[in-house]
Amino acid sequence: MSTPGEIKSAIEKLPRSERRRLVSWVMSSDEKEWDREIESDLQSGLLDDLADEAISEHSRNKTEEL
C-alpha cells in the first residue's frame, strides 16, 4: 500500500490534464459520500432538532431572505 507521501509525489508527477481528471473524480466521490451521510443523518433523525429550530425561527420572522 502507498503512503500519503508516495501518493502525493505520484500526483505531482502527473500531467496537468490527468491531475484535473483526478481532482474531478475525488471531488465527485467526496460529494457522493457527503450526500450519503446527509441522507443517513436525515433518516436517523439527527437533523430534526436543527430543522425544528429553523422552522421556529422562520415562524418568528428571525430569518432573512437570501
N, C-alpha and C. Protein backbone atom coordinates (compact mmCIF):
# COMPACT_ATOMS: atom_id res chain seq x y z
N MET A 1 0.84 -1.18 0.00
CA MET A 1 0.00 0.00 0.00
C MET A 1 0.89 1.24 0.00
N SER A 2 0.46 2.26 -0.67
CA SER A 2 1.22 3.50 -0.76
C SER A 2 0.98 4.38 0.46
N THR A 3 1.99 5.14 0.80
CA THR A 3 1.85 6.11 1.89
C THR A 3 1.29 7.40 1.30
N PRO A 4 0.73 8.27 2.15
CA PRO A 4 0.26 9.55 1.64
C PRO A 4 1.37 10.33 0.91
N GLY A 5 2.59 10.26 1.41
CA GLY A 5 3.70 10.95 0.75
C GLY A 5 3.97 10.40 -0.64
N GLU A 6 3.89 9.07 -0.79
CA GLU A 6 4.10 8.45 -2.09
C GLU A 6 2.99 8.84 -3.06
N ILE A 7 1.77 8.87 -2.55
CA ILE A 7 0.63 9.24 -3.39
C ILE A 7 0.78 10.69 -3.84
N LYS A 8 1.14 11.58 -2.90
CA LYS A 8 1.33 12.99 -3.23
C LYS A 8 2.40 13.15 -4.30
N SER A 9 3.50 12.44 -4.14
CA SER A 9 4.59 12.52 -5.10
C SER A 9 4.14 12.05 -6.49
N ALA A 10 3.37 10.96 -6.51
CA ALA A 10 2.88 10.44 -7.78
C ALA A 10 1.92 11.43 -8.44
N ILE A 11 1.07 12.06 -7.64
CA ILE A 11 0.13 13.04 -8.19
C ILE A 11 0.88 14.23 -8.78
N GLU A 12 1.91 14.67 -8.08
CA GLU A 12 2.68 15.82 -8.56
C GLU A 12 3.37 15.53 -9.90
N LYS A 13 3.61 14.26 -10.19
CA LYS A 13 4.26 13.87 -11.45
C LYS A 13 3.28 13.72 -12.61
N LEU A 14 2.00 13.74 -12.30
CA LEU A 14 1.00 13.57 -13.36
C LEU A 14 0.98 14.80 -14.26
N PRO A 15 0.68 14.58 -15.55
CA PRO A 15 0.45 15.72 -16.42
C PRO A 15 -0.78 16.50 -15.91
N ARG A 16 -0.81 17.77 -16.19
CA ARG A 16 -1.88 18.63 -15.68
C ARG A 16 -3.26 18.09 -16.02
N SER A 17 -3.45 17.61 -17.22
CA SER A 17 -4.76 17.10 -17.63
C SER A 17 -5.18 15.89 -16.78
N GLU A 18 -4.23 15.04 -16.45
CA GLU A 18 -4.52 13.88 -15.62
C GLU A 18 -4.83 14.31 -14.18
N ARG A 19 -4.09 15.31 -13.69
CA ARG A 19 -4.36 15.83 -12.34
C ARG A 19 -5.78 16.39 -12.27
N ARG A 20 -6.17 17.11 -13.33
CA ARG A 20 -7.53 17.66 -13.36
C ARG A 20 -8.57 16.56 -13.33
N ARG A 21 -8.34 15.51 -14.09
CA ARG A 21 -9.27 14.37 -14.08
C ARG A 21 -9.33 13.74 -12.70
N LEU A 22 -8.18 13.62 -12.04
CA LEU A 22 -8.13 13.04 -10.70
C LEU A 22 -8.88 13.93 -9.71
N VAL A 23 -8.64 15.23 -9.78
CA VAL A 23 -9.32 16.17 -8.88
C VAL A 23 -10.83 16.09 -9.08
N SER A 24 -11.25 16.04 -10.32
CA SER A 24 -12.68 15.94 -10.63
C SER A 24 -13.27 14.67 -10.02
N TRP A 25 -12.58 13.56 -10.17
CA TRP A 25 -13.05 12.29 -9.62
C TRP A 25 -13.12 12.36 -8.09
N VAL A 26 -12.08 12.89 -7.45
CA VAL A 26 -12.04 12.97 -5.99
C VAL A 26 -13.19 13.85 -5.49
N MET A 27 -13.40 14.98 -6.14
CA MET A 27 -14.49 15.87 -5.72
C MET A 27 -15.85 15.21 -5.88
N SER A 28 -16.04 14.53 -6.99
CA SER A 28 -17.31 13.85 -7.23
C SER A 28 -17.53 12.74 -6.19
N SER A 29 -16.49 12.00 -5.91
CA SER A 29 -16.57 10.93 -4.92
C SER A 29 -16.89 11.50 -3.55
N ASP A 30 -16.25 12.61 -3.19
CA ASP A 30 -16.48 13.25 -1.90
C ASP A 30 -17.91 13.78 -1.80
N GLU A 31 -18.41 14.37 -2.89
CA GLU A 31 -19.77 14.89 -2.89
C GLU A 31 -20.78 13.76 -2.71
N LYS A 32 -20.54 12.63 -3.35
CA LYS A 32 -21.45 11.49 -3.22
C LYS A 32 -21.43 10.96 -1.79
N GLU A 33 -20.25 10.92 -1.17
CA GLU A 33 -20.15 10.47 0.22
C GLU A 33 -20.89 11.43 1.14
N TRP A 34 -20.72 12.73 0.90
CA TRP A 34 -21.42 13.75 1.69
C TRP A 34 -22.93 13.56 1.57
N ASP A 35 -23.41 13.35 0.35
CA ASP A 35 -24.85 13.13 0.14
C ASP A 35 -25.34 11.92 0.92
N ARG A 36 -24.57 10.82 0.90
CA ARG A 36 -24.96 9.62 1.64
C ARG A 36 -25.00 9.90 3.14
N GLU A 37 -24.03 10.66 3.65
CA GLU A 37 -24.00 10.99 5.07
C GLU A 37 -25.21 11.85 5.47
N ILE A 38 -25.51 12.85 4.65
CA ILE A 38 -26.65 13.71 4.94
C ILE A 38 -27.95 12.89 4.91
N GLU A 39 -28.09 12.06 3.91
CA GLU A 39 -29.29 11.22 3.81
C GLU A 39 -29.42 10.32 5.03
N SER A 40 -28.33 9.72 5.46
CA SER A 40 -28.33 8.87 6.64
C SER A 40 -28.71 9.67 7.89
N ASP A 41 -28.14 10.88 8.01
CA ASP A 41 -28.46 11.74 9.16
C ASP A 41 -29.94 12.12 9.15
N LEU A 42 -30.48 12.40 7.96
CA LEU A 42 -31.90 12.73 7.86
C LEU A 42 -32.77 11.56 8.27
N GLN A 43 -32.44 10.37 7.76
CA GLN A 43 -33.23 9.18 8.05
C GLN A 43 -33.19 8.82 9.54
N SER A 44 -32.05 9.08 10.18
CA SER A 44 -31.91 8.71 11.60
C SER A 44 -32.48 9.78 12.54
N GLY A 45 -32.90 10.92 11.97
CA GLY A 45 -33.46 11.98 12.80
C GLY A 45 -32.43 12.90 13.41
N LEU A 46 -31.18 12.73 13.01
CA LEU A 46 -30.09 13.52 13.57
C LEU A 46 -30.25 15.01 13.31
N LEU A 47 -30.95 15.37 12.24
CA LEU A 47 -31.09 16.78 11.88
C LEU A 47 -32.45 17.36 12.28
N ASP A 48 -33.27 16.58 12.95
CA ASP A 48 -34.62 17.03 13.31
C ASP A 48 -34.59 18.29 14.18
N ASP A 49 -33.71 18.32 15.18
CA ASP A 49 -33.64 19.49 16.06
C ASP A 49 -33.26 20.75 15.30
N LEU A 50 -32.31 20.61 14.36
CA LEU A 50 -31.92 21.77 13.55
C LEU A 50 -33.08 22.24 12.68
N ALA A 51 -33.79 21.31 12.09
CA ALA A 51 -34.93 21.67 11.25
C ALA A 51 -36.01 22.35 12.09
N ASP A 52 -36.29 21.80 13.27
CA ASP A 52 -37.29 22.41 14.14
C ASP A 52 -36.89 23.83 14.54
N GLU A 53 -35.61 24.03 14.84
CA GLU A 53 -35.13 25.35 15.21
C GLU A 53 -35.27 26.33 14.05
N ALA A 54 -34.92 25.89 12.84
CA ALA A 54 -35.03 26.75 11.67
C ALA A 54 -36.48 27.13 11.40
N ILE A 55 -37.37 26.18 11.51
CA ILE A 55 -38.79 26.45 11.30
C ILE A 55 -39.31 27.42 12.35
N SER A 56 -38.91 27.21 13.58
CA SER A 56 -39.32 28.10 14.67
C SER A 56 -38.84 29.52 14.45
N GLU A 57 -37.57 29.66 14.07
CA GLU A 57 -37.04 31.00 13.82
C GLU A 57 -37.74 31.67 12.64
N HIS A 58 -38.03 30.90 11.63
CA HIS A 58 -38.74 31.46 10.47
C HIS A 58 -40.14 31.92 10.87
N SER A 59 -40.81 31.13 11.70
CA SER A 59 -42.15 31.48 12.16
C SER A 59 -42.15 32.77 12.98
N ARG A 60 -41.05 33.04 13.65
CA ARG A 60 -40.92 34.25 14.47
C ARG A 60 -40.27 35.40 13.70
N ASN A 61 -40.20 35.24 12.37
CA ASN A 61 -39.58 36.27 11.50
C ASN A 61 -38.14 36.58 11.89
N LYS A 62 -37.39 35.57 12.29
CA LYS A 62 -36.00 35.75 12.66
C LYS A 62 -35.06 35.36 11.53
N THR A 63 -35.62 35.16 10.34
CA THR A 63 -34.79 34.76 9.19
C THR A 63 -34.74 35.90 8.18
N GLU A 64 -33.78 35.80 7.29
CA GLU A 64 -33.61 36.81 6.24
C GLU A 64 -33.74 36.14 4.88
N GLU A 65 -34.32 36.87 3.95
CA GLU A 65 -34.43 36.37 2.58
C GLU A 65 -33.05 36.34 1.95
N LEU A 66 -32.76 35.28 1.23
CA LEU A 66 -31.47 35.17 0.55
C LEU A 66 -31.47 35.92 -0.76
